[in-house]
C-alpha atoms as a PDB file:
ATOM      1  CA  MET A   1     147.140  93.343 102.616  1.00  0.00           C
ATOM      2  CA  PRO A   2     144.356  90.850 103.427  1.00  0.00           C
ATOM      3  CA  LEU A   3     141.098  92.423 104.605  1.00  0.00           C
ATOM      4  CA  ALA A   4     141.460  90.825 108.055  1.00  0.00           C
ATOM      5  CA  ASP A   5     144.816  92.589 108.518  1.00  0.00           C
ATOM      6  CA  GLN A   6     143.596  96.050 107.540  1.00  0.00           C
ATOM      7  CA  PRO A   7     142.979  98.648 110.245  1.00  0.00           C
ATOM      8  CA  LEU A   8     139.344  98.883 111.342  1.00  0.00           C
ATOM      9  CA  ARG A   9     138.920 102.582 110.406  1.00  0.00           C
ATOM     10  CA  ILE A  10     136.203 103.321 112.968  1.00  0.00           C
ATOM     11  CA  ASP A  11     135.518 106.616 111.195  1.00  0.00           C
ATOM     12  CA  ALA A  12     134.099 104.506 108.354  1.00  0.00           C
ATOM     13  CA  CYS A  13     131.848 102.578 110.746  1.00  0.00           C
ATOM     14  CA  ASN A  14     128.177 103.228 109.901  1.00  0.00           C
ATOM     15  CA  CYS A  15     127.065 102.554 113.462  1.00  0.00           C
ATOM     16  CA  ASN A  16     129.638 104.986 114.871  1.00  0.00           C
ATOM     17  CA  ALA A  17     128.569 107.716 112.445  1.00  0.00           C
ATOM     18  CA  VAL A  18     124.865 107.293 113.273  1.00  0.00           C
ATOM     19  CA  ARG A  19     125.499 107.134 117.049  1.00  0.00           C
ATOM     20  CA  LYS A  20     127.692 110.238 116.931  1.00  0.00           C
ATOM     21  CA  ALA A  21     125.106 112.183 114.945  1.00  0.00           C
ATOM     22  CA  SER A  22     122.341 110.948 117.243  1.00  0.00           C
ATOM     23  CA  ARG A  23     124.161 112.136 120.376  1.00  0.00           C
ATOM     24  CA  GLN A  24     124.868 115.539 118.819  1.00  0.00           C
ATOM     25  CA  ILE A  25     121.260 115.989 117.681  1.00  0.00           C
ATOM     26  CA  THR A  26     119.976 114.823 121.075  1.00  0.00           C
ATOM     27  CA  ARG A  27     122.147 117.423 122.836  1.00  0.00           C
ATOM     28  CA  PHE A  28     120.835 120.079 120.423  1.00  0.00           C
ATOM     29  CA  TYR A  29     117.177 119.259 121.226  1.00  0.00           C
ATOM     30  CA  ASP A  30     117.871 118.823 124.959  1.00  0.00           C
ATOM     31  CA  ALA A  31     119.426 122.307 125.046  1.00  0.00           C
ATOM     32  CA  HIS A  32     116.298 123.803 123.471  1.00  0.00           C
ATOM     33  CA  LEU A  33     113.996 121.979 125.902  1.00  0.00           C
ATOM     34  CA  GLU A  34     116.180 122.719 128.957  1.00  0.00           C
ATOM     35  CA  PRO A  35     113.966 125.592 130.272  1.00  0.00           C
ATOM     36  CA  THR A  36     111.176 123.053 130.821  1.00  0.00           C
ATOM     37  CA  GLY A  37     113.387 120.473 132.528  1.00  0.00           C
ATOM     38  CA  LEU A  38     112.500 117.909 129.855  1.00  0.00           C
ATOM     39  CA  ARG A  39     114.878 115.920 127.710  1.00  0.00           C
ATOM     40  CA  ILE A  40     113.912 115.077 124.133  1.00  0.00           C
ATOM     41  CA  THR A  41     113.117 111.472 125.105  1.00  0.00           C
ATOM     42  CA  GLN A  42     110.654 112.679 127.746  1.00  0.00           C
ATOM     43  CA  PHE A  43     109.148 115.286 125.424  1.00  0.00           C
ATOM     44  CA  LEU A  44     108.514 112.633 122.760  1.00  0.00           C
ATOM     45  CA  ILE A  45     106.598 110.530 125.297  1.00  0.00           C
ATOM     46  CA  LEU A  46     104.432 113.547 126.166  1.00  0.00           C
ATOM     47  CA  ALA A  47     103.947 114.374 122.474  1.00  0.00           C
ATOM     48  CA  ALA A  48     102.961 110.784 121.632  1.00  0.00           C
ATOM     49  CA  LEU A  49     100.461 110.731 124.516  1.00  0.00           C
ATOM     50  CA  ALA A  50      99.081 114.116 123.456  1.00  0.00           C
ATOM     51  CA  GLU A  51      98.435 112.608 120.004  1.00  0.00           C
ATOM     52  CA  VAL A  52      96.741 109.397 121.106  1.00  0.00           C
ATOM     53  CA  GLY A  53      95.287 110.304 124.512  1.00  0.00           C
ATOM     54  CA  SER A  54      96.511 107.169 126.274  1.00  0.00           C
ATOM     55  CA  ALA A  55      98.629 104.150 125.494  1.00  0.00           C
ATOM     56  CA  ALA A  56      99.922 100.965 127.059  1.00  0.00           C
ATOM     57  CA  ILE A  57     103.652 100.866 127.741  1.00  0.00           C
ATOM     58  CA  ASN A  58     104.560  98.287 125.066  1.00  0.00           C
ATOM     59  CA  PRO A  59     102.912 100.046 122.093  1.00  0.00           C
ATOM     60  CA  LEU A  60     104.330 103.377 123.295  1.00  0.00           C
ATOM     61  CA  ALA A  61     107.814 101.849 123.539  1.00  0.00           C
ATOM     62  CA  GLU A  62     107.408 100.365 120.046  1.00  0.00           C
ATOM     63  CA  ARG A  63     106.207 103.676 118.593  1.00  0.00           C
ATOM     64  CA  LEU A  64     109.245 105.500 119.979  1.00  0.00           C
ATOM     65  CA  ASP A  65     111.568 102.503 119.424  1.00  0.00           C
ATOM     66  CA  VAL A  66     112.650 102.483 123.053  1.00  0.00           C
ATOM     67  CA  GLU A  67     113.558  99.344 124.998  1.00  0.00           C
ATOM     68  CA  ARG A  68     110.641  98.234 127.180  1.00  0.00           C
ATOM     69  CA  THR A  69     112.738  98.478 130.368  1.00  0.00           C
ATOM     70  CA  ALA A  70     114.010 101.970 129.493  1.00  0.00           C
ATOM     71  CA  MET A  71     110.432 103.069 128.750  1.00  0.00           C
ATOM     72  CA  GLY A  72     109.307 101.708 132.114  1.00  0.00           C
ATOM     73  CA  LYS A  73     112.006 103.702 133.874  1.00  0.00           C
ATOM     74  CA  MET A  74     111.119 106.936 132.020  1.00  0.00           C
ATOM     75  CA  VAL A  75     107.413 106.411 132.702  1.00  0.00           C
ATOM     76  CA  GLY A  76     108.190 105.878 136.383  1.00  0.00           C
ATOM     77  CA  LEU A  77     110.054 109.198 136.582  1.00  0.00           C
ATOM     78  CA  LEU A  78     107.321 111.075 134.723  1.00  0.00           C
ATOM     79  CA  GLU A  79     104.703 109.529 137.007  1.00  0.00           C
ATOM     80  CA  ARG A  80     106.729 110.472 140.085  1.00  0.00           C
ATOM     81  CA  ASP A  81     106.835 114.075 138.808  1.00  0.00           C
ATOM     82  CA  GLY A  82     103.057 114.112 138.282  1.00  0.00           C
ATOM     83  CA  VAL A  83     103.311 114.530 134.518  1.00  0.00           C
ATOM     84  CA  ILE A  84     101.598 111.262 133.615  1.00  0.00           C
ATOM     85  CA  ARG A  85      99.358 108.789 135.412  1.00  0.00           C
ATOM     86  CA  LEU A  86      98.790 105.103 134.986  1.00  0.00           C
ATOM     87  CA  ARG A  87      95.307 103.651 135.069  1.00  0.00           C
ATOM     88  CA  PRO A  88      93.914 100.178 134.463  1.00  0.00           C
ATOM     89  CA  SER A  89      92.902  99.463 130.895  1.00  0.00           C
ATOM     90  CA  PRO A  90      89.106  99.235 130.565  1.00  0.00           C
ATOM     91  CA  THR A  91      89.488  96.373 128.053  1.00  0.00           C
ATOM     92  CA  ASP A  92      92.394  94.372 129.540  1.00  0.00           C
ATOM     93  CA  GLY A  93      92.689  94.075 133.307  1.00  0.00           C
ATOM     94  CA  ARG A  94      96.334  92.980 133.018  1.00  0.00           C
ATOM     95  CA  SER A  95      97.350  96.140 131.182  1.00  0.00           C
ATOM     96  CA  ARG A  96      97.712  99.709 132.379  1.00  0.00           C
ATOM     97  CA  LEU A  97      97.340 102.803 130.232  1.00  0.00           C
ATOM     98  CA  ILE A  98      99.554 105.861 130.446  1.00  0.00           C
ATOM     99  CA  GLU A  99      97.975 109.288 130.050  1.00  0.00           C
ATOM    100  CA  LEU A 100      98.977 112.898 130.578  1.00  0.00           C
ATOM    101  CA  THR A 101      97.890 114.667 133.739  1.00  0.00           C
ATOM    102  CA  GLU A 102      96.858 118.314 133.657  1.00  0.00           C
ATOM    103  CA  LYS A 103     100.439 119.158 134.662  1.00  0.00           C
ATOM    104  CA  GLY A 104     101.655 116.980 131.773  1.00  0.00           C
ATOM    105  CA  ARG A 105      99.388 118.766 129.287  1.00  0.00           C
ATOM    106  CA  ARG A 106     100.688 122.144 130.507  1.00  0.00           C
ATOM    107  CA  LEU A 107     104.302 120.969 130.293  1.00  0.00           C
ATOM    108  CA  HIS A 108     103.740 119.620 126.776  1.00  0.00           C
ATOM    109  CA  ALA A 109     102.186 122.954 125.763  1.00  0.00           C
ATOM    110  CA  GLU A 110     105.141 124.844 127.268  1.00  0.00           C
ATOM    111  CA  ALA A 111     107.741 122.591 125.610  1.00  0.00           C
ATOM    112  CA  SER A 112     106.127 122.366 122.153  1.00  0.00           C
ATOM    113  CA  PRO A 113     107.212 125.845 120.958  1.00  0.00           C
ATOM    114  CA  LEU A 114     110.768 125.090 122.121  1.00  0.00           C
ATOM    115  CA  TRP A 115     110.725 121.824 120.176  1.00  0.00           C
ATOM    116  CA  ARG A 116     109.350 123.644 117.111  1.00  0.00           C
ATOM    117  CA  GLU A 117     112.195 126.165 117.405  1.00  0.00           C
ATOM    118  CA  ALA A 118     114.721 123.309 117.571  1.00  0.00           C
ATOM    119  CA  GLN A 119     113.121 121.838 114.449  1.00  0.00           C
ATOM    120  CA  ARG A 120     113.296 125.214 112.686  1.00  0.00           C
ATOM    121  CA  GLN A 121     116.928 125.820 113.624  1.00  0.00           C
ATOM    122  CA  PHE A 122     117.952 122.273 112.693  1.00  0.00           C
ATOM    123  CA  GLU A 123     116.373 122.773 109.248  1.00  0.00           C
ATOM    124  CA  GLN A 124     117.995 126.183 108.907  1.00  0.00           C
ATOM    125  CA  LEU A 125     121.420 124.771 109.803  1.00  0.00           C
ATOM    126  CA  ASN A 126     121.142 121.714 107.567  1.00  0.00           C
ATOM    127  CA  GLY A 127     118.708 122.721 104.836  1.00  0.00           C
ATOM    128  CA  ALA A 128     115.055 121.671 104.736  1.00  0.00           C
ATOM    129  CA  ARG A 129     115.645 119.316 101.798  1.00  0.00           C
ATOM    130  CA  ASN A 130     118.610 117.619 103.505  1.00  0.00           C
ATOM    131  CA  VAL A 131     116.602 117.153 106.711  1.00  0.00           C
ATOM    132  CA  THR A 132     113.647 115.665 104.829  1.00  0.00           C
ATOM    133  CA  GLU A 133     115.973 113.349 102.895  1.00  0.00           C
ATOM    134  CA  LEU A 134     117.714 112.374 106.149  1.00  0.00           C
ATOM    135  CA  ARG A 135     114.430 111.291 107.777  1.00  0.00           C
ATOM    136  CA  GLN A 136     113.362 109.439 104.629  1.00  0.00           C
ATOM    137  CA  GLY A 137     116.739 107.752 104.278  1.00  0.00           C
ATOM    138  CA  LEU A 138     116.817 106.649 107.907  1.00  0.00           C
ATOM    139  CA  ARG A 139     113.315 105.146 107.607  1.00  0.00           C
ATOM    140  CA  GLN A 140     114.547 103.108 104.627  1.00  0.00           C
ATOM    141  CA  MET A 141     117.621 101.692 106.389  1.00  0.00           C
ATOM    142  CA  VAL A 142     117.579  97.904 106.576  1.00  0.00           C
ATOM    143  CA  VAL A 143     119.420  96.356 109.510  1.00  0.00           C
ATOM    144  CA  GLY A 144     118.236  92.778 109.358  1.00  0.00           C
ATOM    145  CA  PRO A 145     115.692  90.487 107.770  1.00  0.00           C
ATOM    146  CA  SER A 146     112.543  92.429 106.970  1.00  0.00           C
END
């Protein structure tokens, strides 16, 4: 049977497998963070800001590999909730920097042990070596011209 006439076999689709795993892992982390009201995407923004102090939206979106518009929406919600604040950049008047508020620092501190527990359980369920190899393998994936 010519290749074009063969069934698609979506279970063999790499994108489907990665998306399915991603949704399952996201639900796992969201469940751990649920007592704080944060989702993993929001926690990662807080964690990134806790690391660097402040960041402009575009570099933060690039660091977390989030679409610029989606990052803007998440930042807007976190700002509305008083977790982050935006302030003008001292070096570029056209740019605004995002930083944690005191409430944001407290929320990050409250959520961090829950995230660490999710990390621990994920490693326990899947094996520390497998998890390390998974992260390394995903970083090495090529999806277009380099």
